[in-house]
C-alpha atoms as a PDB file:
ATOM      1  CA  UNK A   1      75.398  54.536 138.825  1.00  0.00           C
ATOM      2  CA  UNK A   2      78.800  54.319 137.155  1.00  0.00           C
ATOM      3  CA  UNK A   3      81.030  51.291 137.528  1.00  0.00           C
ATOM      4  CA  UNK A   4      83.472  52.064 140.391  1.00  0.00           C
ATOM      5  CA  UNK A   5      86.533  51.340 138.233  1.00  0.00           C
ATOM      6  CA  UNK A   6      85.381  53.272 135.162  1.00  0.00           C
ATOM      7  CA  UNK A   7      85.899  57.016 134.970  1.00  0.00           C
ATOM      8  CA  UNK A   8      82.566  58.787 134.583  1.00  0.00           C
ATOM      9  CA  UNK A   9      83.781  60.630 131.481  1.00  0.00           C
ATOM     10  CA  UNK A  10      84.813  57.456 129.610  1.00  0.00           C
ATOM     11  CA  UNK A  11      82.701  57.066 126.445  1.00  0.00           C
ATOM     12  CA  UNK A  12      80.217  54.208 126.289  1.00  0.00           C
ATOM     13  CA  UNK A  13      77.492  53.064 123.954  1.00  0.00           C
ATOM     14  CA  UNK A  14      73.910  53.456 125.162  1.00  0.00           C
ATOM     15  CA  UNK A  15      71.822  50.503 126.348  1.00  0.00           C
ATOM     16  CA  UNK A  16      69.837  50.657 123.095  1.00  0.00           C
ATOM     17  CA  UNK A  17      73.025  50.604 121.000  1.00  0.00           C
ATOM     18  CA  UNK A  18      74.402  47.713 123.054  1.00  0.00           C
ATOM     19  CA  UNK A  19      71.167  45.808 122.501  1.00  0.00           C
ATOM     20  CA  UNK A  20      71.566  46.319 118.733  1.00  0.00           C
ATOM     21  CA  UNK A  21      75.133  44.978 118.880  1.00  0.00           C
ATOM     22  CA  UNK A  22      74.031  42.062 121.067  1.00  0.00           C
ATOM     23  CA  UNK A  23      71.404  41.075 118.483  1.00  0.00           C
ATOM     24  CA  UNK A  24      73.970  41.326 115.689  1.00  0.00           C
ATOM     25  CA  UNK A  25      76.481  39.222 117.621  1.00  0.00           C
ATOM     26  CA  UNK A  26      73.864  36.602 118.532  1.00  0.00           C
ATOM     27  CA  UNK A  27      72.886  36.275 114.866  1.00  0.00           C
ATOM     28  CA  UNK A  28      76.527  35.912 113.787  1.00  0.00           C
ATOM     29  CA  UNK A  29      77.137  33.462 116.615  1.00  0.00           C
ATOM     30  CA  UNK A  30      74.201  31.261 115.589  1.00  0.00           C
ATOM     31  CA  UNK A  31      75.361  31.229 111.967  1.00  0.00           C
ATOM     32  CA  UNK A  32      78.971  30.481 112.931  1.00  0.00           C
ATOM     33  CA  UNK A  33      77.918  27.633 115.246  1.00  0.00           C
ATOM     34  CA  UNK A  34      75.765  26.142 112.484  1.00  0.00           C
ATOM     35  CA  UNK A  35      78.643  26.395 109.994  1.00  0.00           C
ATOM     36  CA  UNK A  36      81.035  24.879 112.536  1.00  0.00           C
ATOM     37  CA  UNK A  37      78.714  21.927 113.075  1.00  0.00           C
ATOM     38  CA  UNK A  38      78.445  21.343 109.319  1.00  0.00           C
ATOM     39  CA  UNK A  39      82.198  21.574 108.816  1.00  0.00           C
ATOM     40  CA  UNK A  40      82.921  19.232 111.724  1.00  0.00           C
ATOM     41  CA  UNK A  41      80.467  16.725 110.229  1.00  0.00           C
ATOM     42  CA  UNK A  42      82.211  17.027 106.842  1.00  0.00           C
ATOM     43  CA  UNK A  43      85.587  16.565 108.484  1.00  0.00           C
ATOM     44  CA  UNK A  44      84.387  13.430 110.266  1.00  0.00           C
ATOM     45  CA  UNK A  45      82.965  12.031 107.004  1.00  0.00           C
ATOM     46  CA  UNK A  46      86.221  12.712 105.170  1.00  0.00           C
ATOM     47  CA  UNK A  47      88.256  11.109 107.937  1.00  0.00           C
ATOM     48  CA  UNK A  48      86.104   7.978 107.933  1.00  0.00           C
ATOM     49  CA  UNK A  49      86.210   7.578 104.124  1.00  0.00           C
ATOM     50  CA  UNK A  50      89.950   7.346 103.816  1.00  0.00           C
ATOM     51  CA  UNK A  51      91.547   5.102 101.189  1.00  0.00           C
ATOM     52  CA  UNK A  52      94.222   3.900 103.636  1.00  0.00           C
ATOM     53  CA  UNK A  53      93.153   0.256 103.362  1.00  0.00           C
ATOM     54  CA  UNK A  54      92.183   0.173  99.674  1.00  0.00           C
ATOM     55  CA  UNK A  55      95.294   1.028  97.729  1.00  0.00           C
ATOM     56  CA  UNK A  56      94.906   1.447  94.001  1.00  0.00           C
ATOM     57  CA  UNK A  57      96.976   3.478  91.558  1.00  0.00           C
ATOM     58  CA  UNK A  58      94.278   6.131  91.446  1.00  0.00           C
ATOM     59  CA  UNK A  59      93.880   6.105  95.209  1.00  0.00           C
ATOM     60  CA  UNK A  60      97.133   8.012  95.705  1.00  0.00           C
ATOM     61  CA  UNK A  61      95.794  11.052  93.889  1.00  0.00           C
ATOM     62  CA  UNK A  62      92.397  10.761  95.539  1.00  0.00           C
ATOM     63  CA  UNK A  63      94.037  10.446  98.950  1.00  0.00           C
ATOM     64  CA  UNK A  64      96.125  13.534  98.238  1.00  0.00           C
ATOM     65  CA  UNK A  65      93.003  15.491  97.411  1.00  0.00           C
ATOM     66  CA  UNK A  66      91.242  14.179 100.512  1.00  0.00           C
ATOM     67  CA  UNK A  67      94.209  15.111 102.698  1.00  0.00           C
ATOM     68  CA  UNK A  68      94.188  18.657 101.309  1.00  0.00           C
ATOM     69  CA  UNK A  69      90.438  18.893 101.799  1.00  0.00           C
ATOM     70  CA  UNK A  70      90.733  17.609 105.382  1.00  0.00           C
ATOM     71  CA  UNK A  71      93.495  20.129 106.113  1.00  0.00           C
ATOM     72  CA  UNK A  72      91.404  22.983 104.686  1.00  0.00           C
ATOM     73  CA  UNK A  73      88.405  21.901 106.749  1.00  0.00           C
ATOM     74  CA  UNK A  74      90.520  21.530 109.883  1.00  0.00           C
ATOM     75  CA  UNK A  75      91.894  25.075 109.436  1.00  0.00           C
ATOM     76  CA  UNK A  76      88.373  26.355 108.871  1.00  0.00           C
ATOM     77  CA  UNK A  77      87.133  24.594 112.029  1.00  0.00           C
ATOM     78  CA  UNK A  78      89.934  26.180 114.079  1.00  0.00           C
ATOM     79  CA  UNK A  79      89.128  29.643 112.644  1.00  0.00           C
ATOM     80  CA  UNK A  80      85.430  29.188 113.356  1.00  0.00           C
ATOM     81  CA  UNK A  81      86.088  28.036 116.923  1.00  0.00           C
ATOM     82  CA  UNK A  82      88.214  31.138 117.545  1.00  0.00           C
ATOM     83  CA  UNK A  83      85.605  33.383 115.904  1.00  0.00           C
ATOM     84  CA  UNK A  84      82.874  31.877 118.112  1.00  0.00           C
ATOM     85  CA  UNK A  85      85.020  32.417 121.210  1.00  0.00           C
ATOM     86  CA  UNK A  86      85.670  36.035 120.139  1.00  0.00           C
ATOM     87  CA  UNK A  87      81.927  36.616 119.673  1.00  0.00           C
ATOM     88  CA  UNK A  88      81.186  35.124 123.109  1.00  0.00           C
ATOM     89  CA  UNK A  89      83.847  37.362 124.666  1.00  0.00           C
ATOM     90  CA  UNK A  90      82.201  40.350 122.950  1.00  0.00           C
ATOM     91  CA  UNK A  91      78.878  39.374 124.553  1.00  0.00           C
ATOM     92  CA  UNK A  92      80.685  39.315 127.885  1.00  0.00           C
ATOM     93  CA  UNK A  93      81.978  42.839 127.262  1.00  0.00           C
ATOM     94  CA  UNK A  94      78.413  43.953 126.559  1.00  0.00           C
ATOM     95  CA  UNK A  95      77.363  42.536 129.941  1.00  0.00           C
ATOM     96  CA  UNK A  96      80.233  44.275 131.762  1.00  0.00           C
ATOM     97  CA  UNK A  97      79.752  47.560 129.921  1.00  0.00           C
ATOM     98  CA  UNK A  98      83.160  47.494 128.233  1.00  0.00           C
ATOM     99  CA  UNK A  99      81.888  46.725 124.732  1.00  0.00           C
ATOM    100  CA  UNK A 100      82.995  49.014 121.932  1.00  0.00           C
ATOM    101  CA  UNK A 101      85.809  50.659 123.873  1.00  0.00           C
ATOM    102  CA  UNK A 102      89.279  50.392 122.316  1.00  0.00           C
ATOM    103  CA  UNK A 103      91.509  48.494 124.717  1.00  0.00           C
ATOM    104  CA  UNK A 104      94.496  50.543 123.556  1.00  0.00           C
ATOM    105  CA  UNK A 105      93.181  54.117 123.440  1.00  0.00           C
ATOM    106  CA  UNK A 106      89.994  53.985 125.523  1.00  0.00           C
ATOM    107  CA  UNK A 107      88.109  55.645 122.646  1.00  0.00           C
ATOM    108  CA  UNK A 108      84.846  54.303 121.276  1.00  0.00           C
ATOM    109  CA  UNK A 109      85.307  51.983 118.325  1.00  0.00           C
ATOM    110  CA  UNK A 110      83.167  53.395 115.489  1.00  0.00           C
ATOM    111  CA  UNK A 111      79.786  51.708 115.050  1.00  0.00           C
ATOM    112  CA  UNK A 112      80.569  51.018 111.386  1.00  0.00           C
ATOM    113  CA  UNK A 113      83.583  48.918 112.395  1.00  0.00           C
ATOM    114  CA  UNK A 114      81.636  47.069 115.083  1.00  0.00           C
ATOM    115  CA  UNK A 115      78.880  46.233 112.611  1.00  0.00           C
ATOM    116  CA  UNK A 116      81.456  44.573 110.341  1.00  0.00           C
ATOM    117  CA  UNK A 117      83.729  43.156 113.069  1.00  0.00           C
ATOM    118  CA  UNK A 118      81.490  43.007 116.146  1.00  0.00           C
ATOM    119  CA  UNK A 119      84.181  41.352 118.252  1.00  0.00           C
ATOM    120  CA  UNK A 120      86.742  44.118 117.606  1.00  0.00           C
ATOM    121  CA  UNK A 121      88.603  45.413 120.642  1.00  0.00           C
ATOM    122  CA  UNK A 122      90.745  47.991 118.834  1.00  0.00           C
ATOM    123  CA  UNK A 123      90.022  50.941 116.582  1.00  0.00           C
ATOM    124  CA  UNK A 124      91.489  50.576 113.090  1.00  0.00           C
ATOM    125  CA  UNK A 125      94.096  53.226 113.960  1.00  0.00           C
ATOM    126  CA  UNK A 126      95.206  51.383 117.107  1.00  0.00           C
ATOM    127  CA  UNK A 127      95.282  48.070 115.244  1.00  0.00           C
ATOM    128  CA  UNK A 128      97.424  49.533 112.473  1.00  0.00           C
ATOM    129  CA  UNK A 129      99.936  50.862 115.012  1.00  0.00           C
ATOM    130  CA  UNK A 130     100.595  47.394 116.407  1.00  0.00           C
ATOM    131  CA  UNK A 131     103.851  45.762 115.207  1.00  0.00           C
ATOM    132  CA  UNK A 132     102.018  42.672 113.940  1.00  0.00           C
ATOM    133  CA  UNK A 133      99.392  44.790 112.138  1.00  0.00           C
ATOM    134  CA  UNK A 134      98.330  43.289 108.844  1.00  0.00           C
ATOM    135  CA  UNK A 135      95.704  43.963 106.275  1.00  0.00           C
ATOM    136  CA  UNK A 136      92.357  42.773 107.561  1.00  0.00           C
ATOM    137  CA  UNK A 137      89.887  40.920 105.381  1.00  0.00           C
ATOM    138  CA  UNK A 138      86.416  42.241 106.116  1.00  0.00           C
ATOM    139  CA  UNK A 139      84.690  38.872 105.860  1.00  0.00           C
ATOM    140  CA  UNK A 140      84.270  36.834 108.988  1.00  0.00           C
ATOM    141  CA  UNK A 141      84.989  34.188 110.049  1.00  0.00           C
ATOM    142  CA  UNK A 142      88.192  34.154 107.964  1.00  0.00           C
ATOM    143  CA  UNK A 143      89.458  37.038 110.104  1.00  0.00           C
ATOM    144  CA  UNK A 144      89.286  36.898 113.843  1.00  0.00           C
ATOM    145  CA  UNK A 145      90.486  40.477 114.020  1.00  0.00           C
ATOM    146  CA  UNK A 146      92.988  41.376 116.690  1.00  0.00           C
ATOM    147  CA  UNK A 147      92.021  38.851 119.348  1.00  0.00           C
ATOM    148  CA  UNK A 148      94.615  36.183 119.786  1.00  0.00           C
END
């Protein structure tokens, strides 16, 4: 039976295809959560090993490096948290049957794109037509695609 709100002619991926995407997303999710845990641990270690109370001439340069490293890690943690949320939302779309459908055009997002960016909600064409469109790095979790 078709979902009452979805037109019967709207394209959808098959249950087998959705299962493949679900496995891919679960694998990426597990890896991202592991990386997030590691980076949060590193951030905590860096924060607790500050030179705030042990000033030396050399400490200024070391502190500058530690501050930059903490900032990089903090940005990475934020990106990973958003990526994880995007992956979880994609799993939700699999459950509701909306996965892989472009939210702008209603067309199926090509499998090749979903294999690279499994949390994508737009086709490349629709994404490029958006005013804030930008070039998209293909490596996650640096890019969280169009969610956000």
